[in-house]
Amino acid sequence: MLKDLYKNKIVILLATLTTFCFLLIAYRIFRFHNFGFIFLIWNLFLAGLPLVAAYFLKNEDRWRFKSILLFLFCLGFLPNAPYILTDVIHLNRIGTAPIWYDLFLVLSFALTGLLFGQFALIYLSHFFEKMYSKTFSLLAIIFICFLSGFGVYLGRFLRWNSWDVINNPYALGQDIADRVIYPLDHPRTYFVTLSTGFLLSVLFLSYKFVGKSDK
């Protein structure tokens, strides 16, 4: 399976986009002498982790310890894919480069991150279809999209990250429970969750239905 990766069109696409993003960062450092947005490389790395997990999960034919670990790992890191889009808040905060360049830089990373996440969802849907049915797969993926939207909120506004599921599960659980029990006290939570989940769902459904209908 690994030896065929270099022939995979998805790998070629994402490798090309990732290289392009790295070149944008390199040019910014060389031209404007500023390392301000170098954190995007780490964010993009985190966005790629669920795709790797989903790639191996799609080849599993039943639930077992390995497949459960892959699924949980994918689920935990999936919000990192759309999260990069929220890095636009750093525009104009990290100086020296023109804002139009930094906007193009962040959006390039965000697009690549979204594609990492979308292909991870596609691989997950293949696994669910094999295990259950197409209807179950569709509903599960849409639910995961909104779950990822909630994860984006936790990361951007409460500053939690995927590792905190292990590092600080009690405090993380408290924040989550507070927003589930008292939803009216946290309107921003549900706005970010629903809007991000809707965006991810539309992108996934576009692949599943619009793309295939043109073939």
N, C-alpha and C. Protein backbone atom coordinates (compact mmCIF):
# COMPACT_ATOMS: atom_id res chain seq x y z
N MET A 1 0.82 -1.20 0.00
CA MET A 1 0.00 0.00 0.00
C MET A 1 0.86 1.26 0.00
N LEU A 2 1.92 1.29 0.82
CA LEU A 2 2.77 2.47 0.91
C LEU A 2 3.53 2.73 -0.39
N LYS A 3 3.93 1.66 -1.08
CA LYS A 3 4.73 1.84 -2.29
C LYS A 3 3.92 2.46 -3.43
N ASP A 4 2.58 2.44 -3.32
CA ASP A 4 1.74 3.02 -4.36
C ASP A 4 1.38 4.48 -4.09
N LEU A 5 1.85 5.02 -2.95
CA LEU A 5 1.49 6.38 -2.58
C LEU A 5 1.94 7.40 -3.62
N TYR A 6 3.14 7.19 -4.19
CA TYR A 6 3.65 8.18 -5.12
C TYR A 6 2.83 8.25 -6.41
N LYS A 7 1.99 7.23 -6.67
CA LYS A 7 1.12 7.23 -7.83
C LYS A 7 -0.26 7.83 -7.52
N ASN A 8 -0.52 8.06 -6.23
CA ASN A 8 -1.83 8.53 -5.80
C ASN A 8 -2.02 9.99 -6.20
N LYS A 9 -3.12 10.28 -6.93
CA LYS A 9 -3.36 11.64 -7.40
C LYS A 9 -3.59 12.61 -6.24
N ILE A 10 -4.21 12.12 -5.18
CA ILE A 10 -4.43 12.96 -4.01
C ILE A 10 -3.11 13.37 -3.39
N VAL A 11 -2.19 12.42 -3.27
CA VAL A 11 -0.87 12.71 -2.70
C VAL A 11 -0.13 13.73 -3.56
N ILE A 12 -0.21 13.55 -4.88
CA ILE A 12 0.48 14.48 -5.79
C ILE A 12 -0.10 15.88 -5.65
N LEU A 13 -1.44 15.99 -5.60
CA LEU A 13 -2.09 17.28 -5.46
C LEU A 13 -1.69 17.96 -4.16
N LEU A 14 -1.80 17.23 -3.06
CA LEU A 14 -1.51 17.83 -1.77
C LEU A 14 -0.03 18.15 -1.61
N ALA A 15 0.83 17.31 -2.16
CA ALA A 15 2.27 17.58 -2.11
C ALA A 15 2.61 18.84 -2.90
N THR A 16 1.95 19.02 -4.03
CA THR A 16 2.17 20.22 -4.85
C THR A 16 1.73 21.47 -4.10
N LEU A 17 0.53 21.42 -3.52
CA LEU A 17 0.02 22.57 -2.78
C LEU A 17 0.87 22.87 -1.54
N THR A 18 1.30 21.82 -0.85
CA THR A 18 2.14 22.00 0.33
C THR A 18 3.47 22.65 -0.04
N THR A 19 4.06 22.18 -1.13
CA THR A 19 5.31 22.78 -1.59
C THR A 19 5.12 24.25 -1.93
N PHE A 20 4.00 24.56 -2.59
CA PHE A 20 3.70 25.95 -2.93
C PHE A 20 3.58 26.80 -1.67
N CYS A 21 2.91 26.27 -0.64
CA CYS A 21 2.78 27.00 0.62
C CYS A 21 4.14 27.25 1.26
N PHE A 22 5.00 26.24 1.24
CA PHE A 22 6.34 26.39 1.82
C PHE A 22 7.15 27.43 1.07
N LEU A 23 6.98 27.49 -0.25
CA LEU A 23 7.69 28.49 -1.05
C LEU A 23 7.21 29.90 -0.71
N LEU A 24 5.91 30.04 -0.45
CA LEU A 24 5.38 31.34 -0.05
C LEU A 24 5.99 31.79 1.28
N ILE A 25 6.10 30.85 2.21
CA ILE A 25 6.72 31.17 3.51
C ILE A 25 8.20 31.54 3.32
N ALA A 26 8.89 30.75 2.51
CA ALA A 26 10.31 31.00 2.27
C ALA A 26 10.54 32.37 1.64
N TYR A 27 9.69 32.71 0.67
CA TYR A 27 9.83 34.02 0.03
C TYR A 27 9.56 35.14 1.03
N ARG A 28 8.57 34.95 1.88
CA ARG A 28 8.26 35.99 2.88
C ARG A 28 9.44 36.22 3.81
N ILE A 29 10.08 35.12 4.23
CA ILE A 29 11.24 35.23 5.11
C ILE A 29 12.39 35.93 4.39
N PHE A 30 12.64 35.51 3.16
CA PHE A 30 13.77 36.07 2.39
C PHE A 30 13.52 37.53 2.01
N ARG A 31 12.30 37.83 1.57
CA ARG A 31 12.02 39.17 1.04
C ARG A 31 11.75 40.20 2.14
N PHE A 32 11.02 39.77 3.19
CA PHE A 32 10.59 40.73 4.20
C PHE A 32 11.27 40.52 5.55
N HIS A 33 12.15 39.50 5.64
CA HIS A 33 12.95 39.27 6.85
C HIS A 33 12.07 39.13 8.10
N ASN A 34 11.03 38.30 7.95
CA ASN A 34 10.09 38.12 9.04
C ASN A 34 9.64 36.66 9.09
N PHE A 35 9.71 36.07 10.29
CA PHE A 35 9.33 34.67 10.48
C PHE A 35 7.91 34.54 11.07
N GLY A 36 7.15 35.62 11.00
CA GLY A 36 5.88 35.68 11.73
C GLY A 36 4.88 34.59 11.44
N PHE A 37 4.77 34.16 10.21
CA PHE A 37 3.75 33.17 9.85
C PHE A 37 4.30 31.75 9.73
N ILE A 38 5.47 31.52 10.27
CA ILE A 38 6.06 30.19 10.12
C ILE A 38 5.27 29.14 10.89
N PHE A 39 4.46 29.57 11.87
CA PHE A 39 3.61 28.63 12.61
C PHE A 39 2.61 27.93 11.70
N LEU A 40 2.33 28.49 10.53
CA LEU A 40 1.40 27.85 9.60
C LEU A 40 1.91 26.49 9.14
N ILE A 41 3.22 26.32 9.11
CA ILE A 41 3.79 25.03 8.71
C ILE A 41 3.38 23.96 9.72
N TRP A 42 3.47 24.29 11.01
CA TRP A 42 3.06 23.34 12.04
C TRP A 42 1.56 23.06 11.96
N ASN A 43 0.78 24.11 11.75
CA ASN A 43 -0.67 23.93 11.64
C ASN A 43 -1.04 23.04 10.45
N LEU A 44 -0.30 23.18 9.36
CA LEU A 44 -0.57 22.35 8.19
C LEU A 44 -0.16 20.91 8.44
N PHE A 45 0.91 20.72 9.18
CA PHE A 45 1.33 19.36 9.57
C PHE A 45 0.23 18.68 10.38
N LEU A 46 -0.33 19.41 11.36
CA LEU A 46 -1.41 18.86 12.17
C LEU A 46 -2.64 18.55 11.32
N ALA A 47 -2.88 19.39 10.31
CA ALA A 47 -4.03 19.17 9.43
C ALA A 47 -3.86 17.91 8.59
N GLY A 48 -2.62 17.52 8.33
CA GLY A 48 -2.37 16.34 7.52
C GLY A 48 -2.46 15.03 8.28
N LEU A 49 -2.37 15.09 9.61
CA LEU A 49 -2.38 13.86 10.40
C LEU A 49 -3.68 13.06 10.27
N PRO A 50 -4.86 13.70 10.32
CA PRO A 50 -6.09 12.89 10.16
C PRO A 50 -6.20 12.23 8.80
N LEU A 51 -5.62 12.85 7.77
CA LEU A 51 -5.65 12.23 6.44
C LEU A 51 -4.83 10.95 6.44
N VAL A 52 -3.68 10.97 7.09
CA VAL A 52 -2.85 9.77 7.17
C VAL A 52 -3.61 8.65 7.89
N ALA A 53 -4.24 9.00 9.02
CA ALA A 53 -4.99 8.00 9.79
C ALA A 53 -6.15 7.45 8.97
N ALA A 54 -6.89 8.35 8.29
CA ALA A 54 -8.05 7.92 7.49
C ALA A 54 -7.61 7.06 6.30
N TYR A 55 -6.44 7.35 5.75
CA TYR A 55 -5.93 6.58 4.62
C TYR A 55 -5.74 5.12 5.01
N PHE A 56 -5.19 4.89 6.19
CA PHE A 56 -4.98 3.52 6.65
C PHE A 56 -6.29 2.90 7.13
N LEU A 57 -7.18 3.73 7.69
CA LEU A 57 -8.45 3.21 8.20
C LEU A 57 -9.33 2.69 7.07
N LYS A 58 -9.30 3.34 5.91
CA LYS A 58 -10.21 2.95 4.82
C LYS A 58 -9.94 1.54 4.32
N ASN A 59 -8.77 1.01 4.63
CA ASN A 59 -8.43 -0.34 4.19
C ASN A 59 -8.78 -1.41 5.23
N GLU A 60 -9.26 -0.96 6.38
CA GLU A 60 -9.69 -1.91 7.41
C GLU A 60 -11.03 -2.51 7.02
N ASP A 61 -11.25 -3.75 7.38
CA ASP A 61 -12.51 -4.42 7.01
C ASP A 61 -13.39 -4.73 8.21
N ARG A 62 -12.94 -4.34 9.41
CA ARG A 62 -13.75 -4.55 10.62
C ARG A 62 -13.20 -3.69 11.75
N TRP A 63 -14.06 -3.53 12.78
CA TRP A 63 -13.61 -2.80 13.95
C TRP A 63 -12.70 -3.69 14.80
N ARG A 64 -11.54 -3.21 15.06
CA ARG A 64 -10.63 -3.87 15.98
C ARG A 64 -9.80 -2.79 16.66
N PHE A 65 -8.87 -3.18 17.51
CA PHE A 65 -8.12 -2.19 18.30
C PHE A 65 -7.41 -1.19 17.39
N LYS A 66 -6.80 -1.67 16.32
CA LYS A 66 -6.08 -0.79 15.40
C LYS A 66 -7.02 0.20 14.73
N SER A 67 -8.16 -0.28 14.23
CA SER A 67 -9.09 0.60 13.52
C SER A 67 -9.73 1.61 14.47
N ILE A 68 -9.98 1.22 15.72
CA ILE A 68 -10.54 2.15 16.70
C ILE A 68 -9.54 3.26 16.99
N LEU A 69 -8.27 2.90 17.16
CA LEU A 69 -7.23 3.92 17.40
C LEU A 69 -7.11 4.88 16.22
N LEU A 70 -7.13 4.34 15.01
CA LEU A 70 -7.03 5.19 13.83
C LEU A 70 -8.21 6.14 13.74
N PHE A 71 -9.40 5.63 14.01
CA PHE A 71 -10.60 6.47 13.94
C PHE A 71 -10.56 7.58 14.99
N LEU A 72 -10.22 7.24 16.23
CA LEU A 72 -10.17 8.24 17.29
C LEU A 72 -9.08 9.28 17.02
N PHE A 73 -7.95 8.82 16.49
CA PHE A 73 -6.87 9.75 16.15
C PHE A 73 -7.32 10.71 15.07
N CYS A 74 -7.97 10.18 14.05
CA CYS A 74 -8.47 10.99 12.96
C CYS A 74 -9.50 12.00 13.46
N LEU A 75 -10.41 11.54 14.30
CA LEU A 75 -11.46 12.40 14.83
C LEU A 75 -10.88 13.52 15.69
N GLY A 76 -9.86 13.18 16.48
CA GLY A 76 -9.27 14.16 17.38
C GLY A 76 -8.50 15.26 16.66
N PHE A 77 -7.88 14.92 15.54
CA PHE A 77 -7.04 15.90 14.84
C PHE A 77 -7.75 16.54 13.64
N LEU A 78 -8.91 16.06 13.29
CA LEU A 78 -9.61 16.59 12.12
C LEU A 78 -9.91 18.09 12.20
N PRO A 79 -10.25 18.64 13.38
CA PRO A 79 -10.51 20.09 13.43
C PRO A 79 -9.31 20.95 13.03
N ASN A 80 -8.11 20.39 13.06
CA ASN A 80 -6.93 21.15 12.66
C ASN A 80 -6.96 21.52 11.18
N ALA A 81 -7.73 20.78 10.38
CA ALA A 81 -7.79 21.06 8.94
C ALA A 81 -8.53 22.37 8.65
N PRO A 82 -9.76 22.56 9.14
CA PRO A 82 -10.42 23.85 8.90
C PRO A 82 -9.91 24.97 9.81
N TYR A 83 -9.22 24.61 10.88
CA TYR A 83 -8.74 25.60 11.84
C TYR A 83 -7.85 26.66 11.20
N ILE A 84 -7.07 26.26 10.20
CA ILE A 84 -6.12 27.19 9.58
C ILE A 84 -6.84 28.41 9.00
N LEU A 85 -8.08 28.22 8.58
CA LEU A 85 -8.83 29.34 8.03
C LEU A 85 -8.98 30.47 9.05
N THR A 86 -9.02 30.12 10.33
CA THR A 86 -9.18 31.15 11.37
C THR A 86 -7.89 31.92 11.61
N ASP A 87 -6.80 31.49 11.00
CA ASP A 87 -5.53 32.22 11.17
C ASP A 87 -5.53 33.57 10.47
N VAL A 88 -6.62 33.89 9.77
CA VAL A 88 -6.72 35.22 9.17
C VAL A 88 -6.76 36.31 10.24
N ILE A 89 -7.03 35.94 11.49
CA ILE A 89 -7.05 36.94 12.57
C ILE A 89 -5.67 37.55 12.79
N HIS A 90 -4.63 36.86 12.29
CA HIS A 90 -3.26 37.36 12.48
C HIS A 90 -2.86 38.39 11.43
N LEU A 91 -3.71 38.61 10.45
CA LEU A 91 -3.40 39.61 9.44
C LEU A 91 -3.25 40.98 10.08
N ASN A 92 -2.25 41.70 9.65
CA ASN A 92 -1.96 43.05 10.17
C ASN A 92 -1.36 43.05 11.57
N ARG A 93 -1.25 41.86 12.18
CA ARG A 93 -0.62 41.77 13.49
C ARG A 93 0.86 41.45 13.37
N ILE A 94 1.21 40.80 12.26
CA ILE A 94 2.59 40.41 12.03
C ILE A 94 3.11 41.23 10.85
N GLY A 95 3.87 42.24 11.14
CA GLY A 95 4.17 43.29 10.17
C GLY A 95 5.20 42.93 9.12
N THR A 96 5.64 43.93 8.43
CA THR A 96 6.68 43.99 7.38
C THR A 96 6.17 43.60 6.00
N ALA A 97 5.40 42.55 5.87
CA ALA A 97 4.91 42.13 4.56
C ALA A 97 3.59 42.83 4.25
N PRO A 98 3.31 43.10 2.97
CA PRO A 98 2.02 43.70 2.60
C PRO A 98 0.87 42.79 3.02
N ILE A 99 -0.23 43.38 3.41
CA ILE A 99 -1.35 42.57 3.90
C ILE A 99 -1.91 41.68 2.81
N TRP A 100 -1.85 42.14 1.54
CA TRP A 100 -2.38 41.31 0.45
C TRP A 100 -1.56 40.04 0.31
N TYR A 101 -0.24 40.14 0.57
CA TYR A 101 0.60 38.94 0.48
C TYR A 101 0.28 37.98 1.62
N ASP A 102 0.15 38.54 2.83
CA ASP A 102 -0.16 37.69 3.98
C ASP A 102 -1.53 37.04 3.84
N LEU A 103 -2.49 37.77 3.26
CA LEU A 103 -3.81 37.18 3.03
C LEU A 103 -3.72 36.02 2.06
N PHE A 104 -2.98 36.20 0.98
CA PHE A 104 -2.80 35.12 0.01
C PHE A 104 -2.08 33.94 0.65
N LEU A 105 -1.10 34.23 1.50
CA LEU A 105 -0.36 33.19 2.20
C LEU A 105 -1.27 32.36 3.10
N VAL A 106 -2.03 33.04 3.94
CA VAL A 106 -2.91 32.33 4.88
C VAL A 106 -3.99 31.54 4.14
N LEU A 107 -4.57 32.14 3.10
CA LEU A 107 -5.61 31.44 2.35
C LEU A 107 -5.06 30.23 1.60
N SER A 108 -3.81 30.30 1.16
CA SER A 108 -3.19 29.15 0.50
C SER A 108 -3.03 28.00 1.48
N PHE A 109 -2.56 28.31 2.67
CA PHE A 109 -2.46 27.28 3.71
C PHE A 109 -3.83 26.76 4.10
N ALA A 110 -4.81 27.69 4.21
CA ALA A 110 -6.16 27.29 4.61
C ALA A 110 -6.80 26.36 3.58
N LEU A 111 -6.63 26.68 2.30
CA LEU A 111 -7.16 25.82 1.24
C LEU A 111 -6.53 24.44 1.30
N THR A 112 -5.22 24.40 1.47
CA THR A 112 -4.53 23.12 1.55
C THR A 112 -5.01 22.33 2.77
N GLY A 113 -5.17 23.02 3.89
CA GLY A 113 -5.67 22.35 5.10
C GLY A 113 -7.07 21.82 4.91
N LEU A 114 -7.94 22.61 4.27
CA LEU A 114 -9.30 22.14 4.01
C LEU A 114 -9.30 20.90 3.13
N LEU A 115 -8.41 20.86 2.14
CA LEU A 115 -8.33 19.68 1.27
C LEU A 115 -7.82 18.46 2.04
N PHE A 116 -6.86 18.67 2.93
CA PHE A 116 -6.44 17.58 3.81
C PHE A 116 -7.65 17.00 4.54
N GLY A 117 -8.44 17.90 5.11
CA GLY A 117 -9.60 17.46 5.86
C GLY A 117 -10.66 16.80 5.00
N GLN A 118 -10.90 17.35 3.81
CA GLN A 118 -11.92 16.79 2.92
C GLN A 118 -11.55 15.39 2.44
N PHE A 119 -10.30 15.20 2.11
CA PHE A 119 -9.89 13.86 1.66
C PHE A 119 -9.92 12.87 2.83
N ALA A 120 -9.65 13.36 4.03
CA ALA A 120 -9.79 12.49 5.21
C ALA A 120 -11.24 12.06 5.37
N LEU A 121 -12.16 13.00 5.19
CA LEU A 121 -13.60 12.67 5.28
C LEU A 121 -14.01 11.68 4.19
N ILE A 122 -13.45 11.85 3.01
CA ILE A 122 -13.77 10.92 1.91
C ILE A 122 -13.30 9.51 2.25
N TYR A 123 -12.09 9.40 2.79
CA TYR A 123 -11.59 8.09 3.19
C TYR A 123 -12.43 7.49 4.32
N LEU A 124 -12.84 8.35 5.26
CA LEU A 124 -13.71 7.88 6.34
C LEU A 124 -15.04 7.37 5.78
N SER A 125 -15.57 8.08 4.79
CA SER A 125 -16.85 7.65 4.20
C SER A 125 -16.71 6.30 3.52
N HIS A 126 -15.57 6.04 2.91
CA HIS A 126 -15.33 4.73 2.30
C HIS A 126 -15.36 3.62 3.35
N PHE A 127 -14.75 3.92 4.49
CA PHE A 127 -14.73 2.93 5.57
C PHE A 127 -16.14 2.68 6.10
N PHE A 128 -16.91 3.75 6.34
CA PHE A 128 -18.26 3.60 6.86
C PHE A 128 -19.17 2.88 5.86
N GLU A 129 -19.01 3.17 4.58
CA GLU A 129 -19.82 2.49 3.57
C GLU A 129 -19.53 1.00 3.54
N LYS A 130 -18.26 0.67 3.72
CA LYS A 130 -17.87 -0.74 3.72
C LYS A 130 -18.39 -1.44 4.97
N MET A 131 -18.40 -0.74 6.10
CA MET A 131 -18.81 -1.34 7.36
C MET A 131 -20.33 -1.36 7.52
N TYR A 132 -21.02 -0.32 7.03
CA TYR A 132 -22.45 -0.19 7.27
C TYR A 132 -23.22 0.02 5.96
N SER A 133 -23.50 1.28 5.64
CA SER A 133 -24.24 1.57 4.41
C SER A 133 -23.92 2.98 3.96
N LYS A 134 -24.34 3.33 2.74
CA LYS A 134 -24.10 4.68 2.23
C LYS A 134 -24.86 5.72 3.03
N THR A 135 -26.08 5.38 3.45
CA THR A 135 -26.87 6.32 4.24
C THR A 135 -26.22 6.58 5.59
N PHE A 136 -25.80 5.53 6.26
CA PHE A 136 -25.11 5.69 7.55
C PHE A 136 -23.84 6.51 7.37
N SER A 137 -23.10 6.21 6.32
CA SER A 137 -21.85 6.91 6.06
C SER A 137 -22.09 8.40 5.89
N LEU A 138 -23.10 8.75 5.11
CA LEU A 138 -23.40 10.16 4.86
C LEU A 138 -23.77 10.89 6.15
N LEU A 139 -24.63 10.27 6.95
CA LEU A 139 -25.05 10.90 8.21
C LEU A 139 -23.88 11.01 9.18
N ALA A 140 -23.04 9.99 9.21
CA ALA A 140 -21.89 10.00 10.12
C ALA A 140 -20.90 11.09 9.74
N ILE A 141 -20.65 11.26 8.45
CA ILE A 141 -19.70 12.27 8.00
C ILE A 141 -20.24 13.67 8.28
N ILE A 142 -21.52 13.90 8.05
CA ILE A 142 -22.10 15.22 8.34
C ILE A 142 -22.00 15.52 9.84
N PHE A 143 -22.26 14.52 10.67
CA PHE A 143 -22.12 14.70 12.12
C PHE A 143 -20.67 15.04 12.47
N ILE A 144 -19.72 14.36 11.85
CA ILE A 144 -18.30 14.61 12.11
C ILE A 144 -17.92 16.02 11.66
N CYS A 145 -18.52 16.50 10.58
CA CYS A 145 -18.25 17.88 10.12
C CYS A 145 -18.62 18.90 11.19
N PHE A 146 -19.79 18.72 11.81
CA PHE A 146 -20.21 19.65 12.86
C PHE A 146 -19.39 19.46 14.13
N LEU A 147 -18.98 18.22 14.38
CA LEU A 147 -18.10 17.96 15.51
C LEU A 147 -16.76 18.68 15.31
N SER A 148 -16.28 18.68 14.08
CA SER A 148 -15.05 19.39 13.76
C SER A 148 -15.23 20.90 13.91
N GLY A 149 -16.42 21.39 13.56
CA GLY A 149 -16.71 22.81 13.76
C GLY A 149 -16.62 23.19 15.23
N PHE A 150 -17.11 22.31 16.09
CA PHE A 150 -16.99 22.54 17.54
C PHE A 150 -15.53 22.51 17.97
N GLY A 151 -14.76 21.62 17.36
CA GLY A 151 -13.34 21.55 17.66
C GLY A 151 -12.60 22.82 17.26
N VAL A 152 -13.01 23.41 16.14
CA VAL A 152 -12.41 24.69 15.70
C VAL A 152 -12.69 25.77 16.74
N TYR A 153 -13.91 25.80 17.26
CA TYR A 153 -14.24 26.77 18.31
C TYR A 153 -13.36 26.55 19.54
N LEU A 154 -13.23 25.30 19.97
CA LEU A 154 -12.42 25.01 21.16
C LEU A 154 -10.97 25.45 20.96
N GLY A 155 -10.47 25.28 19.75
CA GLY A 155 -9.09 25.64 19.48
C GLY A 155 -8.86 27.13 19.37
N ARG A 156 -9.72 27.81 18.64
CA ARG A 156 -9.50 29.24 18.39
C ARG A 156 -9.85 30.11 19.59
N PHE A 157 -10.98 29.84 20.22
CA PHE A 157 -11.46 30.76 21.26
C PHE A 157 -11.13 30.31 22.68
N LEU A 158 -11.05 29.01 22.93
CA LEU A 158 -10.70 28.52 24.26
C LEU A 158 -9.25 28.03 24.33
N ARG A 159 -8.59 28.02 23.18
CA ARG A 159 -7.16 27.68 23.07
C ARG A 159 -6.84 26.25 23.49
N TRP A 160 -7.80 25.35 23.34
CA TRP A 160 -7.52 23.94 23.53
C TRP A 160 -6.92 23.38 22.25
N ASN A 161 -6.16 22.29 22.36
CA ASN A 161 -5.66 21.62 21.17
C ASN A 161 -5.91 20.13 21.26
N SER A 162 -5.62 19.42 20.20
CA SER A 162 -5.96 17.99 20.12
C SER A 162 -5.27 17.18 21.20
N TRP A 163 -4.07 17.60 21.61
CA TRP A 163 -3.33 16.84 22.61
C TRP A 163 -3.98 16.92 23.99
N ASP A 164 -4.80 17.94 24.22
CA ASP A 164 -5.39 18.13 25.54
C ASP A 164 -6.43 17.07 25.88
N VAL A 165 -6.87 16.32 24.89
CA VAL A 165 -7.76 15.18 25.17
C VAL A 165 -7.05 14.21 26.11
N ILE A 166 -5.72 14.14 26.00
CA ILE A 166 -4.92 13.27 26.86
C ILE A 166 -4.28 14.07 27.99
N ASN A 167 -3.77 15.27 27.67
CA ASN A 167 -3.02 16.06 28.65
C ASN A 167 -3.89 16.66 29.74
N ASN A 168 -5.08 17.11 29.39
CA ASN A 168 -5.93 17.80 30.37
C ASN A 168 -7.41 17.50 30.10
N PRO A 169 -7.80 16.23 30.15
CA PRO A 169 -9.17 15.87 29.76
C PRO A 169 -10.23 16.42 30.70
N TYR A 170 -9.91 16.57 31.99
CA TYR A 170 -10.92 17.02 32.95
C TYR A 170 -11.35 18.46 32.67
N ALA A 171 -10.36 19.36 32.54
CA ALA A 171 -10.68 20.77 32.29
C ALA A 171 -11.35 20.94 30.92
N LEU A 172 -10.87 20.19 29.94
CA LEU A 172 -11.49 20.22 28.61
C LEU A 172 -12.93 19.75 28.68
N GLY A 173 -13.16 18.68 29.42
CA GLY A 173 -14.51 18.16 29.58
C GLY A 173 -15.43 19.15 30.27
N GLN A 174 -14.89 19.91 31.22
CA GLN A 174 -15.69 20.92 31.91
C GLN A 174 -16.16 22.01 30.95
N ASP A 175 -15.23 22.47 30.11
CA ASP A 175 -15.59 23.52 29.14
C ASP A 175 -16.63 23.02 28.15
N ILE A 176 -16.48 21.77 27.71
CA ILE A 176 -17.44 21.21 26.76
C ILE A 176 -18.81 21.04 27.42
N ALA A 177 -18.81 20.48 28.65
CA ALA A 177 -20.08 20.26 29.36
C ALA A 177 -20.80 21.57 29.62
N ASP A 178 -20.07 22.63 29.96
CA ASP A 178 -20.68 23.92 30.24
C ASP A 178 -21.43 24.45 29.02
N ARG A 179 -20.86 24.22 27.83
CA ARG A 179 -21.48 24.74 26.61
C ARG A 179 -22.61 23.85 26.12
N VAL A 180 -22.59 22.60 26.52
CA VAL A 180 -23.70 21.70 26.17
C VAL A 180 -24.89 21.92 27.11
N ILE A 181 -24.60 22.11 28.40
CA ILE A 181 -25.66 22.25 29.39
C ILE A 181 -26.30 23.64 29.33
N TYR A 182 -25.47 24.67 29.05
CA TYR A 182 -25.97 26.04 29.02
C TYR A 182 -25.73 26.67 27.64
N PRO A 183 -26.41 26.18 26.63
CA PRO A 183 -26.15 26.66 25.25
C PRO A 183 -26.46 28.14 25.05
N LEU A 184 -27.48 28.66 25.75
CA LEU A 184 -27.86 30.05 25.56
C LEU A 184 -26.83 31.03 26.11
N ASP A 185 -25.95 30.55 26.97
CA ASP A 185 -24.90 31.40 27.52
C ASP A 185 -23.69 31.50 26.60
N HIS A 186 -23.70 30.70 25.54
CA HIS A 186 -22.52 30.66 24.66
C HIS A 186 -22.94 30.72 23.19
N PRO A 187 -23.52 31.83 22.75
CA PRO A 187 -23.97 31.92 21.36
C PRO A 187 -22.84 31.79 20.35
N ARG A 188 -21.65 32.31 20.69
CA ARG A 188 -20.54 32.22 19.75
C ARG A 188 -20.13 30.77 19.51
N THR A 189 -20.24 29.94 20.55
CA THR A 189 -19.92 28.52 20.41
C THR A 189 -20.72 27.90 19.28
N TYR A 190 -22.02 28.17 19.28
CA TYR A 190 -22.89 27.52 18.32
C TYR A 190 -22.85 28.18 16.95
N PHE A 191 -22.54 29.46 16.93
CA PHE A 191 -22.37 30.10 15.63
C PHE A 191 -21.16 29.52 14.91
N VAL A 192 -20.02 29.42 15.60
CA VAL A 192 -18.81 28.89 14.98
C VAL A 192 -18.99 27.41 14.63
N THR A 193 -19.59 26.66 15.55
CA THR A 193 -19.81 25.23 15.31
C THR A 193 -20.70 24.98 14.10
N LEU A 194 -21.84 25.67 14.06
CA LEU A 194 -22.81 25.43 12.99
C LEU A 194 -22.33 25.97 11.64
N SER A 195 -21.71 27.14 11.65
CA SER A 195 -21.24 27.71 10.38
C SER A 195 -20.08 26.91 9.81
N THR A 196 -19.15 26.51 10.66
CA THR A 196 -18.02 25.71 10.18
C THR A 196 -18.48 24.33 9.75
N GLY A 197 -19.36 23.73 10.56
CA GLY A 197 -19.89 22.41 10.20
C GLY A 197 -20.66 22.44 8.90
N PHE A 198 -21.43 23.52 8.69
CA PHE A 198 -22.17 23.66 7.44
C PHE A 198 -21.22 23.77 6.25
N LEU A 199 -20.17 24.58 6.38
CA LEU A 199 -19.19 24.73 5.31
C LEU A 199 -18.54 23.41 4.96
N LEU A 200 -18.10 22.67 5.97
CA LEU A 200 -17.45 21.39 5.73
C LEU A 200 -18.42 20.39 5.10
N SER A 201 -19.66 20.41 5.55
CA SER A 201 -20.66 19.49 4.99
C SER A 201 -20.93 19.79 3.52
N VAL A 202 -21.04 21.08 3.19
CA VAL A 202 -21.30 21.46 1.80
C VAL A 202 -20.13 21.05 0.91
N LEU A 203 -18.92 21.24 1.39
CA LEU A 203 -17.74 20.85 0.61
C LEU A 203 -17.73 19.33 0.38
N PHE A 204 -18.06 18.58 1.42
CA PHE A 204 -18.09 17.12 1.27
C PHE A 204 -19.20 16.68 0.33
N LEU A 205 -20.39 17.26 0.49
CA LEU A 205 -21.52 16.89 -0.36
C LEU A 205 -21.27 17.29 -1.81
N SER A 206 -20.51 18.35 -2.01
CA SER A 206 -20.17 18.77 -3.37
C SER A 206 -19.38 17.69 -4.08
N TYR A 207 -18.48 17.06 -3.34
CA TYR A 207 -17.70 15.96 -3.92
C TYR A 207 -18.60 14.75 -4.17
N LYS A 208 -19.42 14.42 -3.18
CA LYS A 208 -20.21 13.19 -3.25
C LYS A 208 -21.27 13.23 -4.36
N PHE A 209 -21.89 14.40 -4.57
CA PHE A 209 -23.02 14.46 -5.46
C PHE A 209 -22.77 15.29 -6.72
N VAL A 210 -22.31 16.52 -6.52
CA VAL A 210 -22.12 17.41 -7.69
C VAL A 210 -21.03 16.88 -8.58
N GLY A 211 -19.88 16.52 -8.00
CA GLY A 211 -18.75 16.04 -8.80
C GLY A 211 -19.09 14.77 -9.56
N LYS A 212 -19.74 13.83 -8.88
CA LYS A 212 -20.04 12.55 -9.52
C LYS A 212 -21.13 12.66 -10.57
N SER A 213 -22.03 13.64 -10.42
CA SER A 213 -23.11 13.77 -11.38
C SER A 213 -22.64 14.26 -12.74
N ASP A 214 -21.44 14.83 -12.78
CA ASP A 214 -20.90 15.34 -14.05
C ASP A 214 -20.13 14.28 -14.83
N LYS A 215 -19.99 13.10 -14.24
CA LYS A 215 -19.19 12.07 -14.91
C LYS A 215 -20.02 11.35 -15.97
